[in-house]
Amino acid sequence: QDLASQSIDDMITTWRKHMSRAGGSTGTQKAAEHI
């Protein structure tokens, strides 16, 4: 339920805490698919 309430930008910001290159087209697609 926490994941379903996230936006794509929130997901990428969350991933950037753990990874330096979390965004980009692949990261955006993965975040949108996951949500």
PDB file of all heavy atoms in Angstrom:
ATOM      1  N   GLN A   1       0.826  -1.211   0.000  1.00  0.00           N
ATOM      2  CA  GLN A   1       0.000   0.000   0.000  1.00  0.00           C
ATOM      3  C   GLN A   1       0.859   1.259   0.000  1.00  0.00           C
ATOM      4  O   GLN A   1       0.455   2.280  -0.552  1.00  0.00           O
ATOM      5  CB  GLN A   1      -1.000   0.013   1.159  1.00  0.00           C
ATOM      6  CG  GLN A   1      -0.394   0.018   2.537  1.00  0.00           C
ATOM      7  CD  GLN A   1      -0.217  -1.367   3.105  1.00  0.00           C
ATOM      8  OE1 GLN A   1      -0.167  -2.348   2.378  1.00  0.00           O
ATOM      9  NE2 GLN A   1      -0.123  -1.469   4.408  1.00  0.00           N
ATOM     10  N   ASP A   2       2.039   1.219   0.601  1.00  0.00           N
ATOM     11  CA  ASP A   2       2.941   2.368   0.556  1.00  0.00           C
ATOM     12  C   ASP A   2       3.486   2.572  -0.856  1.00  0.00           C
ATOM     13  O   ASP A   2       3.637   3.695  -1.314  1.00  0.00           O
ATOM     14  CB  ASP A   2       4.101   2.186   1.528  1.00  0.00           C
ATOM     15  CG  ASP A   2       3.644   2.162   2.973  1.00  0.00           C
ATOM     16  OD1 ASP A   2       2.533   2.660   3.258  1.00  0.00           O
ATOM     17  OD2 ASP A   2       4.395   1.646   3.809  1.00  0.00           O
ATOM     18  N   LEU A   3       3.769   1.483  -1.520  1.00  0.00           N
ATOM     19  CA  LEU A   3       4.288   1.555  -2.883  1.00  0.00           C
ATOM     20  C   LEU A   3       3.242   2.090  -3.850  1.00  0.00           C
ATOM     21  O   LEU A   3       3.548   2.885  -4.731  1.00  0.00           O
ATOM     22  CB  LEU A   3       4.756   0.170  -3.336  1.00  0.00           C
ATOM     23  CG  LEU A   3       5.357   0.070  -4.722  1.00  0.00           C
ATOM     24  CD1 LEU A   3       6.610   0.915  -4.820  1.00  0.00           C
ATOM     25  CD2 LEU A   3       5.667  -1.362  -5.050  1.00  0.00           C
ATOM     26  N   ALA A   4       1.999   1.681  -3.674  1.00  0.00           N
ATOM     27  CA  ALA A   4       0.932   2.125  -4.568  1.00  0.00           C
ATOM     28  C   ALA A   4       0.669   3.624  -4.445  1.00  0.00           C
ATOM     29  O   ALA A   4       0.192   4.249  -5.392  1.00  0.00           O
ATOM     30  CB  ALA A   4      -0.340   1.344  -4.291  1.00  0.00           C
ATOM     31  N   SER A   5       0.986   4.216  -3.303  1.00  0.00           N
ATOM     32  CA  SER A   5       0.747   5.653  -3.113  1.00  0.00           C
ATOM     33  C   SER A   5       1.923   6.521  -3.551  1.00  0.00           C
ATOM     34  O   SER A   5       1.834   7.741  -3.477  1.00  0.00           O
ATOM     35  CB  SER A   5       0.411   5.924  -1.646  1.00  0.00           C
ATOM     36  OG  SER A   5       1.531   5.647  -0.838  1.00  0.00           O
ATOM     37  N   GLN A   6       3.013   5.918  -3.992  1.00  0.00           N
ATOM     38  CA  GLN A   6       4.196   6.664  -4.431  1.00  0.00           C
ATOM     39  C   GLN A   6       4.008   7.217  -5.841  1.00  0.00           C
ATOM     40  O   GLN A   6       3.270   6.663  -6.645  1.00  0.00           O
ATOM     41  CB  GLN A   6       5.424   5.739  -4.441  1.00  0.00           C
ATOM     42  CG  GLN A   6       5.849   5.226  -3.102  1.00  0.00           C
ATOM     43  CD  GLN A   6       6.602   6.270  -2.315  1.00  0.00           C
ATOM     44  OE1 GLN A   6       7.453   6.952  -2.842  1.00  0.00           O
ATOM     45  NE2 GLN A   6       6.269   6.390  -1.048  1.00  0.00           N
ATOM     46  N   SER A   7       4.719   8.298  -6.130  1.00  0.00           N
ATOM     47  CA  SER A   7       4.790   8.801  -7.502  1.00  0.00           C
ATOM     48  C   SER A   7       6.129   8.346  -8.097  1.00  0.00           C
ATOM     49  O   SER A   7       7.007   7.860  -7.383  1.00  0.00           O
ATOM     50  CB  SER A   7       4.685  10.324  -7.529  1.00  0.00           C
ATOM     51  OG  SER A   7       5.857  10.905  -7.000  1.00  0.00           O
ATOM     52  N   ILE A   8       6.275   8.522  -9.399  1.00  0.00           N
ATOM     53  CA  ILE A   8       7.511   8.103 -10.066  1.00  0.00           C
ATOM     54  C   ILE A   8       8.700   8.883  -9.518  1.00  0.00           C
ATOM     55  O   ILE A   8       9.763   8.314  -9.246  1.00  0.00           O
ATOM     56  CB  ILE A   8       7.380   8.265 -11.586  1.00  0.00           C
ATOM     57  CG1 ILE A   8       6.326   7.302 -12.123  1.00  0.00           C
ATOM     58  CG2 ILE A   8       8.714   8.043 -12.286  1.00  0.00           C
ATOM     59  CD1 ILE A   8       5.974   7.494 -13.575  1.00  0.00           C
ATOM     60  N   ASP A   9       8.525  10.188  -9.328  1.00  0.00           N
ATOM     61  CA  ASP A   9       9.613  11.011  -8.789  1.00  0.00           C
ATOM     62  C   ASP A   9       9.976  10.608  -7.362  1.00  0.00           C
ATOM     63  O   ASP A   9      11.159  10.626  -6.992  1.00  0.00           O
ATOM     64  CB  ASP A   9       9.237  12.489  -8.841  1.00  0.00           C
ATOM     65  CG  ASP A   9       9.139  13.008 -10.264  1.00  0.00           C
ATOM     66  OD1 ASP A   9       9.847  12.466 -11.142  1.00  0.00           O
ATOM     67  OD2 ASP A   9       8.360  13.953 -10.499  1.00  0.00           O
ATOM     68  N   ASP A  10       8.979  10.234  -6.562  1.00  0.00           N
ATOM     69  CA  ASP A  10       9.255   9.765  -5.202  1.00  0.00           C
ATOM     70  C   ASP A  10      10.076   8.478  -5.217  1.00  0.00           C
ATOM     71  O   ASP A  10      10.980   8.300  -4.405  1.00  0.00           O
ATOM     72  CB  ASP A  10       7.953   9.521  -4.430  1.00  0.00           C
ATOM     73  CG  ASP A  10       7.190  10.800  -4.142  1.00  0.00           C
ATOM     74  OD1 ASP A  10       7.801  11.879  -4.176  1.00  0.00           O
ATOM     75  OD2 ASP A  10       5.967  10.698  -3.899  1.00  0.00           O
ATOM     76  N   MET A  11       9.729   7.578  -6.131  1.00  0.00           N
ATOM     77  CA  MET A  11      10.474   6.316  -6.248  1.00  0.00           C
ATOM     78  C   MET A  11      11.930   6.571  -6.625  1.00  0.00           C
ATOM     79  O   MET A  11      12.842   5.988  -6.031  1.00  0.00           O
ATOM     80  CB  MET A  11       9.842   5.412  -7.300  1.00  0.00           C
ATOM     81  CG  MET A  11       8.535   4.784  -6.896  1.00  0.00           C
ATOM     82  SD  MET A  11       8.726   3.494  -5.671  1.00  0.00           S
ATOM     83  CE  MET A  11       9.580   2.274  -6.618  1.00  0.00           C
ATOM     84  N   ILE A  12      12.148   7.436  -7.590  1.00  0.00           N
ATOM     85  CA  ILE A  12      13.521   7.716  -8.034  1.00  0.00           C
ATOM     86  C   ILE A  12      14.309   8.397  -6.924  1.00  0.00           C
ATOM     87  O   ILE A  12      15.483   8.084  -6.704  1.00  0.00           O
ATOM     88  CB  ILE A  12      13.498   8.533  -9.339  1.00  0.00           C
ATOM     89  CG1 ILE A  12      12.958   7.646 -10.467  1.00  0.00           C
ATOM     90  CG2 ILE A  12      14.877   9.059  -9.678  1.00  0.00           C
ATOM     91  CD1 ILE A  12      12.749   8.331 -11.773  1.00  0.00           C
ATOM     92  N   THR A  13      13.665   9.303  -6.180  1.00  0.00           N
ATOM     93  CA  THR A  13      14.327   9.942  -5.045  1.00  0.00           C
ATOM     94  C   THR A  13      14.691   8.905  -3.987  1.00  0.00           C
ATOM     95  O   THR A  13      15.782   8.951  -3.412  1.00  0.00           O
ATOM     96  CB  THR A  13      13.408  11.024  -4.432  1.00  0.00           C
ATOM     97  OG1 THR A  13      13.061  11.960  -5.448  1.00  0.00           O
ATOM     98  CG2 THR A  13      14.093  11.735  -3.289  1.00  0.00           C
ATOM     99  N   THR A  14      13.808   7.974  -3.746  1.00  0.00           N
ATOM    100  CA  THR A  14      14.074   6.903  -2.786  1.00  0.00           C
ATOM    101  C   THR A  14      15.239   6.039  -3.250  1.00  0.00           C
ATOM    102  O   THR A  14      16.114   5.686  -2.456  1.00  0.00           O
ATOM    103  CB  THR A  14      12.814   6.029  -2.610  1.00  0.00           C
ATOM    104  OG1 THR A  14      11.759   6.847  -2.141  1.00  0.00           O
ATOM    105  CG2 THR A  14      13.055   4.897  -1.636  1.00  0.00           C
ATOM    106  N   TRP A  15      15.272   5.699  -4.531  1.00  0.00           N
ATOM    107  CA  TRP A  15      16.353   4.873  -5.071  1.00  0.00           C
ATOM    108  C   TRP A  15      17.688   5.600  -5.028  1.00  0.00           C
ATOM    109  O   TRP A  15      18.729   4.991  -4.863  1.00  0.00           O
ATOM    110  CB  TRP A  15      16.037   4.449  -6.493  1.00  0.00           C
ATOM    111  CG  TRP A  15      14.933   3.454  -6.602  1.00  0.00           C
ATOM    112  CD1 TRP A  15      14.455   2.637  -5.626  1.00  0.00           C
ATOM    113  CD2 TRP A  15      14.156   3.161  -7.765  1.00  0.00           C
ATOM    114  NE1 TRP A  15      13.433   1.864  -6.101  1.00  0.00           N
ATOM    115  CE2 TRP A  15      13.226   2.148  -7.413  1.00  0.00           C
ATOM    116  CE3 TRP A  15      14.154   3.642  -9.066  1.00  0.00           C
ATOM    117  CZ2 TRP A  15      12.322   1.622  -8.320  1.00  0.00           C
ATOM    118  CZ3 TRP A  15      13.250   3.116  -9.973  1.00  0.00           C
ATOM    119  CH2 TRP A  15      12.343   2.116  -9.595  1.00  0.00           C
ATOM    120  N   ARG A  16      17.665   6.920  -5.176  1.00  0.00           N
ATOM    121  CA  ARG A  16      18.920   7.690  -5.185  1.00  0.00           C
ATOM    122  C   ARG A  16      19.615   7.665  -3.836  1.00  0.00           C
ATOM    123  O   ARG A  16      20.804   7.947  -3.753  1.00  0.00           O
ATOM    124  CB  ARG A  16      18.660   9.122  -5.625  1.00  0.00           C
ATOM    125  CG  ARG A  16      18.429   9.186  -7.109  1.00  0.00           C
ATOM    126  CD  ARG A  16      18.937  10.474  -7.698  1.00  0.00           C
ATOM    127  NE  ARG A  16      18.837  10.362  -9.156  1.00  0.00           N
ATOM    128  CZ  ARG A  16      18.112  11.159  -9.899  1.00  0.00           C
ATOM    129  NH1 ARG A  16      17.448  12.153  -9.353  1.00  0.00           N
ATOM    130  NH2 ARG A  16      18.075  10.992 -11.204  1.00  0.00           N
ATOM    131  N   LYS A  17      18.906   7.352  -2.766  1.00  0.00           N
ATOM    132  CA  LYS A  17      19.541   7.201  -1.450  1.00  0.00           C
ATOM    133  C   LYS A  17      20.529   6.039  -1.463  1.00  0.00           C
ATOM    134  O   LYS A  17      21.493   6.025  -0.718  1.00  0.00           O
ATOM    135  CB  LYS A  17      18.491   6.941  -0.371  1.00  0.00           C
ATOM    136  CG  LYS A  17      17.578   8.105  -0.103  1.00  0.00           C
ATOM    137  CD  LYS A  17      16.551   7.714   0.937  1.00  0.00           C
ATOM    138  CE  LYS A  17      15.496   8.768   1.102  1.00  0.00           C
ATOM    139  NZ  LYS A  17      14.439   8.341   2.042  1.00  0.00           N
ATOM    140  N   HIS A  18      20.256   5.048  -2.317  1.00  0.00           N
ATOM    141  CA  HIS A  18      21.063   3.833  -2.344  1.00  0.00           C
ATOM    142  C   HIS A  18      21.911   3.693  -3.611  1.00  0.00           C
ATOM    143  O   HIS A  18      22.825   2.887  -3.641  1.00  0.00           O
ATOM    144  CB  HIS A  18      20.155   2.598  -2.227  1.00  0.00           C
ATOM    145  CG  HIS A  18      19.374   2.574  -0.959  1.00  0.00           C
ATOM    146  ND1 HIS A  18      19.888   2.117   0.213  1.00  0.00           N
ATOM    147  CD2 HIS A  18      18.115   2.996  -0.684  1.00  0.00           C
ATOM    148  CE1 HIS A  18      18.983   2.235   1.168  1.00  0.00           C
ATOM    149  NE2 HIS A  18      17.891   2.768   0.639  1.00  0.00           N
ATOM    150  N   MET A  19      21.565   4.454  -4.653  1.00  0.00           N
ATOM    151  CA  MET A  19      22.244   4.318  -5.936  1.00  0.00           C
ATOM    152  C   MET A  19      22.516   5.711  -6.502  1.00  0.00           C
ATOM    153  O   MET A  19      21.700   6.615  -6.347  1.00  0.00           O
ATOM    154  CB  MET A  19      21.375   3.540  -6.926  1.00  0.00           C
ATOM    155  CG  MET A  19      20.970   2.186  -6.440  1.00  0.00           C
ATOM    156  SD  MET A  19      19.762   1.425  -7.508  1.00  0.00           S
ATOM    157  CE  MET A  19      20.722   1.194  -8.975  1.00  0.00           C
ATOM    158  N   SER A  20      23.626   5.865  -7.190  1.00  0.00           N
ATOM    159  CA  SER A  20      23.942   7.176  -7.752  1.00  0.00           C
ATOM    160  C   SER A  20      23.203   7.438  -9.062  1.00  0.00           C
ATOM    161  O   SER A  20      22.846   8.564  -9.358  1.00  0.00           O
ATOM    162  CB  SER A  20      25.447   7.302  -7.968  1.00  0.00           C
ATOM    163  OG  SER A  20      25.897   6.295  -8.849  1.00  0.00           O
ATOM    164  N   ARG A  21      22.956   6.408  -9.859  1.00  0.00           N
ATOM    165  CA  ARG A  21      22.309   6.575 -11.156  1.00  0.00           C
ATOM    166  C   ARG A  21      20.968   5.840 -11.182  1.00  0.00           C
ATOM    167  O   ARG A  21      20.774   4.902 -11.935  1.00  0.00           O
ATOM    168  CB  ARG A  21      23.211   6.048 -12.259  1.00  0.00           C
ATOM    169  CG  ARG A  21      24.518   6.812 -12.368  1.00  0.00           C
ATOM    170  CD  ARG A  21      25.404   6.240 -13.417  1.00  0.00           C
ATOM    171  NE  ARG A  21      24.725   6.279 -14.712  1.00  0.00           N
ATOM    172  CZ  ARG A  21      25.143   5.628 -15.776  1.00  0.00           C
ATOM    173  NH1 ARG A  21      26.215   4.874 -15.705  1.00  0.00           N
ATOM    174  NH2 ARG A  21      24.492   5.710 -16.905  1.00  0.00           N
ATOM    175  N   ALA A  22      20.031   6.304 -10.389  1.00  0.00           N
ATOM    176  CA  ALA A  22      18.754   5.614 -10.274  1.00  0.00           C
ATOM    177  C   ALA A  22      17.724   6.094 -11.274  1.00  0.00           C
ATOM    178  O   ALA A  22      16.749   5.423 -11.529  1.00  0.00           O
ATOM    179  CB  ALA A  22      18.200   5.789  -8.866  1.00  0.00           C
ATOM    180  N   GLY A  23      17.898   7.262 -11.846  1.00  0.00           N
ATOM    181  CA  GLY A  23      16.913   7.820 -12.767  1.00  0.00           C
ATOM    182  C   GLY A  23      17.147   7.363 -14.192  1.00  0.00           C
ATOM    183  O   GLY A  23      17.471   6.218 -14.454  1.00  0.00           O
ATOM    184  N   GLY A  24      16.954   8.272 -15.108  1.00  0.00           N
ATOM    185  CA  GLY A  24      17.112   7.945 -16.515  1.00  0.00           C
ATOM    186  C   GLY A  24      15.853   7.308 -17.064  1.00  0.00           C
ATOM    187  O   GLY A  24      14.870   7.104 -16.361  1.00  0.00           O
ATOM    188  N   SER A  25      15.889   6.987 -18.329  1.00  0.00           N
ATOM    189  CA  SER A  25      14.689   6.420 -18.961  1.00  0.00           C
ATOM    190  C   SER A  25      14.377   5.024 -18.423  1.00  0.00           C
ATOM    191  O   SER A  25      13.216   4.680 -18.217  1.00  0.00           O
ATOM    192  CB  SER A  25      14.852   6.382 -20.478  1.00  0.00           C
ATOM    193  OG  SER A  25      15.928   5.553 -20.829  1.00  0.00           O
ATOM    194  N   THR A  26      15.395   4.232 -18.187  1.00  0.00           N
ATOM    195  CA  THR A  26      15.171   2.887 -17.663  1.00  0.00           C
ATOM    196  C   THR A  26      14.605   2.936 -16.247  1.00  0.00           C
ATOM    197  O   THR A  26      13.665   2.212 -15.925  1.00  0.00           O
ATOM    198  CB  THR A  26      16.481   2.075 -17.665  1.00  0.00           C
ATOM    199  OG1 THR A  26      17.018   2.081 -18.979  1.00  0.00           O
ATOM    200  CG2 THR A  26      16.250   0.653 -17.219  1.00  0.00           C
ATOM    201  N   GLY A  27      15.154   3.800 -15.397  1.00  0.00           N
ATOM    202  CA  GLY A  27      14.663   3.923 -14.030  1.00  0.00           C
ATOM    203  C   GLY A  27      13.243   4.451 -13.977  1.00  0.00           C
ATOM    204  O   GLY A  27      12.421   3.993 -13.185  1.00  0.00           O
ATOM    205  N   THR A  28      12.939   5.410 -14.846  1.00  0.00           N
ATOM    206  CA  THR A  28      11.589   5.956 -14.900  1.00  0.00           C
ATOM    207  C   THR A  28      10.591   4.895 -15.350  1.00  0.00           C
ATOM    208  O   THR A  28       9.507   4.771 -14.782  1.00  0.00           O
ATOM    209  CB  THR A  28      11.540   7.173 -15.846  1.00  0.00           C
ATOM    210  OG1 THR A  28      12.518   8.130 -15.421  1.00  0.00           O
ATOM    211  CG2 THR A  28      10.182   7.819 -15.854  1.00  0.00           C
ATOM    212  N   GLN A  29      10.965   4.119 -16.351  1.00  0.00           N
ATOM    213  CA  GLN A  29      10.092   3.040 -16.824  1.00  0.00           C
ATOM    214  C   GLN A  29       9.892   1.996 -15.739  1.00  0.00           C
ATOM    215  O   GLN A  29       8.775   1.506 -15.527  1.00  0.00           O
ATOM    216  CB  GLN A  29      10.678   2.382 -18.070  1.00  0.00           C
ATOM    217  CG  GLN A  29      10.641   3.239 -19.303  1.00  0.00           C
ATOM    218  CD  GLN A  29      11.417   2.607 -20.459  1.00  0.00           C
ATOM    219  OE1 GLN A  29      12.071   1.583 -20.299  1.00  0.00           O
ATOM    220  NE2 GLN A  29      11.332   3.241 -21.622  1.00  0.00           N
ATOM    221  N   LYS A  30      10.967   1.641 -15.058  1.00  0.00           N
ATOM    222  CA  LYS A  30      10.880   0.629 -13.994  1.00  0.00           C
ATOM    223  C   LYS A  30      10.001   1.132 -12.847  1.00  0.00           C
ATOM    224  O   LYS A  30       9.189   0.384 -12.310  1.00  0.00           O
ATOM    225  CB  LYS A  30      12.288   0.303 -13.487  1.00  0.00           C
ATOM    226  CG  LYS A  30      12.381  -0.865 -12.549  1.00  0.00           C
ATOM    227  CD  LYS A  30      12.037  -2.171 -13.175  1.00  0.00           C
ATOM    228  CE  LYS A  30      13.151  -2.705 -14.018  1.00  0.00           C
ATOM    229  NZ  LYS A  30      12.907  -4.073 -14.480  1.00  0.00           N
ATOM    230  N   ALA A  31      10.133   2.407 -12.486  1.00  0.00           N
ATOM    231  CA  ALA A  31       9.309   2.971 -11.413  1.00  0.00           C
ATOM    232  C   ALA A  31       7.840   2.986 -11.817  1.00  0.00           C
ATOM    233  O   ALA A  31       6.965   2.609 -11.021  1.00  0.00           O
ATOM    234  CB  ALA A  31       9.787   4.383 -11.072  1.00  0.00           C
ATOM    235  N   ALA A  32       7.555   3.405 -13.049  1.00  0.00           N
ATOM    236  CA  ALA A  32       6.161   3.447 -13.516  1.00  0.00           C
ATOM    237  C   ALA A  32       5.561   2.047 -13.553  1.00  0.00           C
ATOM    238  O   ALA A  32       4.412   1.835 -13.137  1.00  0.00           O
ATOM    239  CB  ALA A  32       6.105   4.083 -14.904  1.00  0.00           C
ATOM    240  N   GLU A  33       6.329   1.077 -14.023  1.00  0.00           N
ATOM    241  CA  GLU A  33       5.849  -0.307 -14.084  1.00  0.00           C
ATOM    242  C   GLU A  33       5.593  -0.849 -12.676  1.00  0.00           C
ATOM    243  O   GLU A  33       4.578  -1.500 -12.422  1.00  0.00           O
ATOM    244  CB  GLU A  33       6.874  -1.170 -14.811  1.00  0.00           C
ATOM    245  CG  GLU A  33       6.485  -2.607 -14.957  1.00  0.00           C
ATOM    246  CD  GLU A  33       7.558  -3.443 -15.625  1.00  0.00           C
ATOM    247  OE1 GLU A  33       8.621  -2.912 -15.986  1.00  0.00           O
ATOM    248  OE2 GLU A  33       7.325  -4.659 -15.763  1.00  0.00           O
ATOM    249  N   HIS A  34       6.510  -0.555 -11.769  1.00  0.00           N
ATOM    250  CA  HIS A  34       6.394  -1.057 -10.405  1.00  0.00           C
ATOM    251  C   HIS A  34       5.173  -0.466  -9.702  1.00  0.00           C
ATOM    252  O   HIS A  34       4.426  -1.184  -9.027  1.00  0.00           O
ATOM    253  CB  HIS A  34       7.675  -0.729  -9.645  1.00  0.00           C
ATOM    254  CG  HIS A  34       7.917  -1.568  -8.444  1.00  0.00           C
ATOM    255  ND1 HIS A  34       7.763  -2.933  -8.431  1.00  0.00           N
ATOM    256  CD2 HIS A  34       8.301  -1.238  -7.188  1.00  0.00           C
ATOM    257  CE1 HIS A  34       8.046  -3.402  -7.228  1.00  0.00           C
ATOM    258  NE2 HIS A  34       8.369  -2.383  -6.466  1.00  0.00           N
ATOM    259  N   ILE A  35       4.941   0.817  -9.868  1.00  0.00           N
ATOM    260  CA  ILE A  35       3.799   1.472  -9.235  1.00  0.00           C
ATOM    261  C   ILE A  35       2.490   0.957  -9.828  1.00  0.00           C
ATOM    262  O   ILE A  35       1.533   0.681  -9.101  1.00  0.00           O
ATOM    263  CB  ILE A  35       3.919   2.999  -9.362  1.00  0.00           C
ATOM    264  CG1 ILE A  35       5.080   3.497  -8.502  1.00  0.00           C
ATOM    265  CG2 ILE A  35       2.623   3.690  -8.956  1.00  0.00           C
ATOM    266  CD1 ILE A  35       5.466   4.935  -8.749  1.00  0.00           C
TER     267      ILE A  35
END
